Structures are given as C-alpha cells and as structure tokens.
Amino acid sequence: MHLNLHFTAVLILWTLKFAALLVLLVVLLGRDRAKRFPWFTLSIALIALQMLAGRLLVGRMSTIALDAIFIIMADVSAIVGFMVIVEMGRRAFAPMRRGKWLAWALAVLVVGGGVLAFWGPWPPWKTLTADSFLADLRLMQMGAQKLDMLVDLLTVGLGLLVIAFGRRFGAGWRTHTQRVVIGLSTASTARLAVQAIWQYIAKTAVPHSQAEYDHIIGLGDKLFNAKDAIYLGVLVWWIIVLWMDEPGAAVLAQANTPQLEYLSDEGELPVIPGEPSMVPVELADADEESIGTEE
C-alpha cells in the first residue's frame, strides 16, 4: 500500500505542535508564569484554539461561515500578538524612563511600518471600499495578514534590541523575558523568510507542465513544513526555559521564608529572624547579677 508521506508529515507536525502548545500552557499556569506574561499566555491559548477549530470545523460548515470564523480569530490573534510585543518590550526595558521607552518603541514601529508598506501586494482601493459581506471579509482578512506581518517585523526588531541592550536593563540571557523574546523573534524570522521565498517563487516560476506545477506546490509545502518544524522547536525551548526558575529566584524565595536559627552550637532555643530572642529568666537574672558584680 502506498503511503501519502506529505499528509503524514503534516499530520505529525500538527500533532506535535498541538501537544507542545498544551504542555506549554500547563507550564505557564502551573509554574505561575502566566501572571508575569498574561498576553503571551493568551496568545498561546489562541493558537491552540485555532488549530483545534481548523481540525474540527473544516468540512462540517459552509465555506462562508467557516471563513468568517477563522478571519475573526485571525484578527483577534493579530491584536493579541501586538500586545505581546508591548508586554515583552515593557518587561525587557522596565528600568528605562517612559519617554525614552516610547521614543524607541515609536522608532521600531516606524521602521516596521515602512518595511510593511513596501512588502507584498496591496489590493485595489475599490476592493477595500466595496459594500458587501464578502468585501468586508476580505478587508478583515487583509488586516489580519498585514498586522501579522507587522508583528513579525516588530518582533525581530525587539529581539535584536533585547539581545544588544537587554543585559543593561535587567533582561540578561538567563532571564525568562529574553528567552521568550528570542523564541518569538526566531519564529517570526522563519515566517518572514518563508513568506519572502514563496512570494519570490510565485513571481518568477512559470510552470509549463503539470509536473512542474506539482513540483512548485511540493516545494511550497516543504517550506511551510520547515516553518512549522522551527516553531515546534521554539515551543520545546519555551517549555524547558519556562519550567526552570530564573537565577536568584530560589535565593529570593529562601530569603522570604522564615527560618530557624540557634543561639550557639550547643543551644536548643530557636530564634526566628525579626522576633525577640526567647532567653530564659534565669539567664537574664544571671546576666544582671554579673553586670552588677562587675560594677
């Protein structure tokens, strides 16, 4: 029996990605990381929900209703992705003054918006202003795609800034913030690279036969599978680094936990830090008598 290896590769990648997303959510919630990165946690949950909806709803609903659901989810995910960038930027450069932080954020946004303006085809203005339900869906879809690309561009820029200057502002290599940003920038770089390569192939490739067309489609499938494999590696990276505590976290927790200390190696009376010493009355009287004798 001939096996469809392409379908098997897609199915394996989908299963591994979905399982890794669920494990990452367990780590974020179980290790109390969701309080520090609420938008990042929400973005991971939305990605898992989109994958599950795609698996359960495709082929069971009308095309228009299905498109509307996925376009709305894509818009919400794009907005949440933008909030993740803001969240990571604020955490990475928290000690920076607000005015300086806003200036750097605006500079990165201008650069990303400039690249976005010249990247990819834009639909005609008549298509955007058409008064119909399908035109509204196309407009929403284009908004999600462009915002996704802008988020990827901003993520790459933020990753470069965090790697270059994060250590000076408390977001060094071993912090969760820098490691999450590195994972985000890696995934965004892979998406942008695959999109650029595929757009170049679509522009330049001119198939002259069905075999050449199938070869181009197969090449595109391999590119997108490679992108998914990189994202899977990023998910595994996040699971490992977010499971571990940051350096100094254990020492800080130990310092905040009351511990018992002893007066001496032979003593049996514990003293709680911050509390008055429990010294027997006889010892106190003896000390007073000795002091009076010395006087």
Protein backbone atom coordinates (compact mmCIF):
# COMPACT_ATOMS: atom_id res chain seq x y z
CA MET A 1 0.00 0.00 0.00
CA HIS A 2 1.36 3.43 -0.98
CA LEU A 3 1.51 5.92 1.91
CA ASN A 4 0.94 9.62 1.44
CA LEU A 5 4.16 10.84 3.06
CA HIS A 6 3.26 14.51 2.70
CA PHE A 7 0.00 14.06 4.58
CA THR A 8 1.82 12.02 7.22
CA ALA A 9 4.40 14.77 7.72
CA VAL A 10 1.69 17.42 8.06
CA LEU A 11 -0.29 15.27 10.49
CA ILE A 12 2.79 14.53 12.62
CA LEU A 13 3.76 18.19 12.77
CA TRP A 14 0.20 19.20 13.67
CA THR A 15 0.02 16.64 16.46
CA LEU A 16 3.41 17.57 17.91
CA LYS A 17 2.67 21.30 17.74
CA PHE A 18 -0.72 20.93 19.41
CA ALA A 19 0.71 18.72 22.15
CA ALA A 20 3.58 21.17 22.72
CA LEU A 21 1.14 24.08 22.97
CA LEU A 22 -0.88 22.25 25.63
CA VAL A 23 2.26 21.37 27.59
CA LEU A 24 3.43 24.98 27.38
CA LEU A 25 0.08 26.17 28.74
CA VAL A 26 0.43 23.73 31.64
CA VAL A 27 3.91 25.09 32.36
CA LEU A 28 2.75 28.71 32.16
CA LEU A 29 -0.15 28.10 34.52
CA GLY A 30 1.47 25.51 36.79
CA ARG A 31 4.75 27.37 37.28
CA ASP A 32 2.96 30.68 37.83
CA ARG A 33 4.41 32.30 34.68
CA ALA A 34 1.00 33.39 33.37
CA LYS A 35 0.87 36.24 35.91
CA ARG A 36 4.12 37.64 34.54
CA PHE A 37 3.23 37.10 30.86
CA PRO A 38 -0.59 37.26 30.57
CA TRP A 39 -0.68 38.37 26.91
CA PHE A 40 1.87 35.75 25.91
CA THR A 41 -0.19 33.07 27.67
CA LEU A 42 -3.34 34.26 25.91
CA SER A 43 -1.59 34.14 22.53
CA ILE A 44 -0.53 30.53 23.09
CA ALA A 45 -4.10 29.60 24.06
CA LEU A 46 -5.47 31.29 20.92
CA ILE A 47 -3.02 29.44 18.66
CA ALA A 48 -4.09 26.13 20.20
CA LEU A 49 -7.76 27.09 19.78
CA GLN A 50 -7.23 27.99 16.12
CA MET A 51 -5.51 24.68 15.43
CA LEU A 52 -8.27 22.73 17.14
CA ALA A 53 -11.02 24.66 15.35
CA GLY A 54 -9.34 24.07 12.00
CA ARG A 55 -9.22 20.35 12.66
CA LEU A 56 -12.82 20.07 13.90
CA LEU A 57 -14.74 22.56 11.73
CA VAL A 58 -13.25 22.17 8.24
CA GLY A 59 -15.67 20.21 6.07
CA ARG A 60 -18.50 20.46 8.61
CA MET A 61 -19.69 24.04 7.91
CA SER A 62 -20.42 26.20 4.92
CA THR A 63 -17.44 27.94 3.35
CA ILE A 64 -18.62 31.48 4.10
CA ALA A 65 -19.38 30.75 7.76
CA LEU A 66 -16.06 28.96 8.15
CA ASP A 67 -14.15 31.84 6.55
CA ALA A 68 -15.88 34.34 8.82
CA ILE A 69 -14.95 32.36 11.95
CA PHE A 70 -11.30 31.96 11.00
CA ILE A 71 -10.89 35.55 9.81
CA ILE A 72 -12.30 36.89 13.08
CA MET A 73 -10.00 34.58 15.04
CA ALA A 74 -7.05 35.72 12.92
CA ASP A 75 -7.86 39.37 13.64
CA VAL A 76 -8.07 38.70 17.38
CA SER A 77 -4.81 36.74 17.31
CA ALA A 78 -3.05 39.54 15.44
CA ILE A 79 -4.17 42.12 18.00
CA VAL A 80 -3.08 39.86 20.87
CA GLY A 81 0.26 39.31 19.11
CA PHE A 82 0.80 43.07 19.03
CA MET A 83 0.04 43.26 22.76
CA VAL A 84 2.62 40.52 23.35
CA ILE A 85 5.26 42.75 21.76
CA VAL A 86 4.25 45.63 24.03
CA GLU A 87 4.31 43.34 27.06
CA MET A 88 7.76 41.94 26.30
CA GLY A 89 9.16 45.36 25.47
CA ARG A 90 7.95 46.81 28.76
CA ARG A 91 9.38 43.90 30.73
CA ALA A 92 12.71 43.87 28.93
CA PHE A 93 13.28 47.61 29.35
CA ALA A 94 11.35 48.29 32.56
CA PRO A 95 14.07 50.48 34.18
CA MET A 96 14.14 52.78 31.15
CA ARG A 97 12.41 56.13 31.52
CA ARG A 98 8.94 56.25 29.99
CA GLY A 99 9.75 58.98 27.49
CA LYS A 100 12.85 57.21 26.23
CA TRP A 101 10.98 53.89 26.05
CA LEU A 102 8.18 55.47 23.98
CA ALA A 103 10.74 57.05 21.64
CA TRP A 104 12.44 53.71 20.99
CA ALA A 105 9.07 51.98 20.56
CA LEU A 106 7.97 54.62 18.04
CA ALA A 107 11.24 54.24 16.12
CA VAL A 108 10.82 50.46 15.87
CA LEU A 109 7.18 50.91 14.84
CA VAL A 110 8.12 53.39 12.09
CA VAL A 111 10.79 51.06 10.69
CA GLY A 112 8.44 48.07 10.78
CA GLY A 113 5.62 50.06 9.19
CA GLY A 114 7.95 51.28 6.43
CA VAL A 115 9.01 47.74 5.58
CA LEU A 116 5.38 46.62 5.63
CA ALA A 117 4.35 49.40 3.23
CA PHE A 118 6.73 48.13 0.54
CA TRP A 119 6.26 44.41 1.17
CA GLY A 120 3.70 42.41 -0.68
CA PRO A 121 0.83 43.40 -2.96
CA TRP A 122 -1.94 45.66 -1.73
CA PRO A 123 -5.48 45.23 -3.07
CA PRO A 124 -7.08 48.00 -5.13
CA TRP A 125 -8.91 50.73 -3.25
CA LYS A 126 -12.21 49.78 -4.92
CA THR A 127 -11.94 46.31 -3.44
CA LEU A 128 -11.42 47.73 0.04
CA THR A 129 -14.39 50.11 -0.18
CA ALA A 130 -16.85 47.70 -1.78
CA ASP A 131 -20.11 47.45 0.14
CA SER A 132 -20.73 43.73 0.57
CA PHE A 133 -20.25 41.00 3.16
CA LEU A 134 -17.55 39.27 1.13
CA ALA A 135 -15.70 42.57 0.68
CA ASP A 136 -15.82 43.10 4.45
CA LEU A 137 -14.38 39.62 5.00
CA ARG A 138 -11.59 40.31 2.51
CA LEU A 139 -10.81 43.59 4.26
CA MET A 140 -10.69 41.86 7.64
CA GLN A 141 -8.52 39.12 6.21
CA MET A 142 -6.10 41.63 4.73
CA GLY A 143 -5.98 43.48 8.06
CA ALA A 144 -5.10 40.27 9.89
CA GLN A 145 -2.39 39.38 7.36
CA LYS A 146 -0.80 42.84 7.39
CA LEU A 147 -0.96 43.13 11.18
CA ASP A 148 0.57 39.67 11.49
CA MET A 149 3.43 40.72 9.23
CA LEU A 150 3.89 43.96 11.18
CA VAL A 151 4.01 41.96 14.43
CA ASP A 152 6.67 39.69 12.94
CA LEU A 153 8.75 42.69 11.85
CA LEU A 154 8.42 44.34 15.27
CA THR A 155 9.29 41.06 16.99
CA VAL A 156 12.51 40.73 15.02
CA GLY A 157 13.40 44.33 15.88
CA LEU A 158 12.60 43.79 19.55
CA GLY A 159 14.69 40.62 19.58
CA LEU A 160 17.71 42.50 18.23
CA LEU A 161 17.28 45.26 20.82
CA VAL A 162 16.89 42.82 23.71
CA ILE A 163 19.96 40.83 22.66
CA ALA A 164 22.02 44.01 22.27
CA PHE A 165 20.84 46.06 25.26
CA GLY A 166 18.72 43.77 27.44
CA ARG A 167 21.54 42.98 29.86
CA ARG A 168 21.94 46.67 30.75
CA PHE A 169 18.28 46.86 31.79
CA GLY A 170 17.97 43.61 33.73
CA ALA A 171 16.86 41.35 30.86
CA GLY A 172 20.01 39.28 30.50
CA TRP A 173 20.45 35.96 28.75
CA ARG A 174 19.20 33.79 31.60
CA THR A 175 16.01 35.75 32.25
CA HIS A 176 12.64 34.44 31.12
CA THR A 177 11.90 37.68 29.28
CA GLN A 178 14.91 37.49 26.98
CA ARG A 179 14.41 33.79 26.30
CA VAL A 180 10.76 34.27 25.41
CA VAL A 181 11.69 37.18 23.11
CA ILE A 182 14.40 35.09 21.44
CA GLY A 183 11.84 32.36 20.75
CA LEU A 184 9.36 34.88 19.37
CA SER A 185 11.95 36.51 17.11
CA THR A 186 13.14 33.11 15.85
CA ALA A 187 9.60 32.08 14.90
CA SER A 188 8.94 35.48 13.28
CA THR A 189 12.17 35.32 11.28
CA ALA A 190 11.21 31.89 9.98
CA ARG A 191 7.74 33.10 8.96
CA LEU A 192 9.10 36.18 7.19
CA ALA A 193 11.78 34.16 5.40
CA VAL A 194 9.32 31.52 4.18
CA GLN A 195 6.87 34.20 3.04
CA ALA A 196 9.58 36.09 1.14
CA ILE A 197 10.86 32.92 -0.54
CA TRP A 198 7.36 31.80 -1.50
CA GLN A 199 6.47 35.20 -2.93
CA TYR A 200 9.64 35.15 -5.00
CA ILE A 201 8.86 31.65 -6.29
CA ALA A 202 5.27 32.64 -7.12
CA LYS A 203 6.50 35.66 -9.10
CA THR A 204 9.31 34.03 -11.05
CA ALA A 205 8.19 30.43 -11.52
CA VAL A 206 6.32 29.75 -14.77
CA PRO A 207 5.31 26.08 -14.95
CA HIS A 208 4.98 24.63 -18.43
CA SER A 209 3.53 21.30 -17.43
CA GLN A 210 1.53 19.66 -14.68
CA ALA A 211 4.71 18.03 -13.36
CA GLU A 212 6.43 21.41 -12.96
CA TYR A 213 3.35 22.84 -11.27
CA ASP A 214 3.23 19.91 -8.84
CA HIS A 215 6.95 20.39 -8.14
CA ILE A 216 6.39 24.06 -7.23
CA ILE A 217 3.46 23.21 -4.96
CA GLY A 218 5.53 20.49 -3.30
CA LEU A 219 8.36 22.96 -2.73
CA GLY A 220 5.93 25.35 -1.07
CA ASP A 221 4.65 22.57 1.18
CA LYS A 222 8.20 21.75 2.25
CA LEU A 223 8.85 25.41 3.07
CA PHE A 224 5.77 25.65 5.27
CA ASN A 225 6.58 22.32 6.94
CA ALA A 226 10.06 23.67 7.72
CA LYS A 227 8.46 26.77 9.26
CA ASP A 228 6.23 24.57 11.43
CA ALA A 229 9.22 22.47 12.48
CA ILE A 230 11.08 25.60 13.59
CA TYR A 231 8.05 26.74 15.57
CA LEU A 232 7.87 23.31 17.19
CA GLY A 233 11.49 23.72 18.27
CA VAL A 234 10.63 27.14 19.71
CA LEU A 235 7.76 25.62 21.70
CA VAL A 236 10.07 22.98 23.17
CA TRP A 237 12.57 25.74 24.02
CA TRP A 238 9.86 27.71 25.85
CA ILE A 239 8.72 24.64 27.77
CA ILE A 240 12.24 23.97 29.03
CA VAL A 241 13.27 27.53 29.92
CA LEU A 242 9.94 28.50 31.50
CA TRP A 243 9.89 25.35 33.60
CA MET A 244 13.22 26.33 35.16
CA ASP A 245 13.45 29.21 37.60
CA GLU A 246 15.49 32.28 36.83
CA PRO A 247 18.88 32.62 38.56
CA GLY A 248 18.40 34.07 42.03
CA ALA A 249 14.73 33.10 42.28
CA ALA A 250 15.46 30.27 44.71
CA VAL A 251 17.69 32.50 46.86
CA LEU A 252 15.00 35.20 46.95
CA ALA A 253 12.32 32.68 47.93
CA GLN A 254 14.55 31.31 50.67
CA ALA A 255 15.22 34.81 51.98
CA ASN A 256 11.48 35.50 52.18
CA THR A 257 10.79 32.25 54.08
CA PRO A 258 11.15 32.38 57.88
CA GLN A 259 13.87 30.00 59.06
CA LEU A 260 15.06 28.87 62.48
CA GLU A 261 18.47 29.83 63.79
CA TYR A 262 20.18 28.75 67.03
CA LEU A 263 22.00 30.75 69.64
CA SER A 264 25.03 28.52 69.53
CA ASP A 265 26.10 25.06 68.52
CA GLU A 266 25.10 23.75 71.94
CA GLY A 267 21.94 25.81 72.38
CA GLU A 268 18.47 24.38 71.88
CA LEU A 269 16.42 27.56 71.79
CA PRO A 270 15.49 28.66 68.26
CA VAL A 271 15.34 32.30 67.30
CA ILE A 272 13.04 33.43 64.47
CA PRO A 273 14.55 36.28 62.42
CA GLY A 274 12.83 39.53 63.22
CA GLU A 275 11.41 38.27 66.54
CA PRO A 276 12.77 38.99 70.06
CA SER A 277 15.04 36.33 71.50
CA MET A 278 13.44 33.88 73.90
CA VAL A 279 16.04 33.93 76.69
CA PRO A 280 15.14 32.13 79.97
CA VAL A 281 14.54 34.31 83.01
CA GLU A 282 17.33 32.59 84.97
CA LEU A 283 19.89 33.51 82.31
CA ALA A 284 18.65 37.09 82.23
CA ASP A 285 18.90 37.37 86.04
CA ALA A 286 22.34 35.86 86.00
CA ASP A 287 23.49 38.39 83.41
CA GLU A 288 22.12 41.25 85.52
CA GLU A 289 23.86 39.93 88.66
CA SER A 290 27.14 39.55 86.81
CA ILE A 291 26.85 43.06 85.49
CA GLY A 292 26.14 44.41 88.99
CA THR A 293 29.14 42.47 90.40
CA GLU A 294 31.44 43.91 87.74
CA GLU A 295 30.29 47.39 88.62
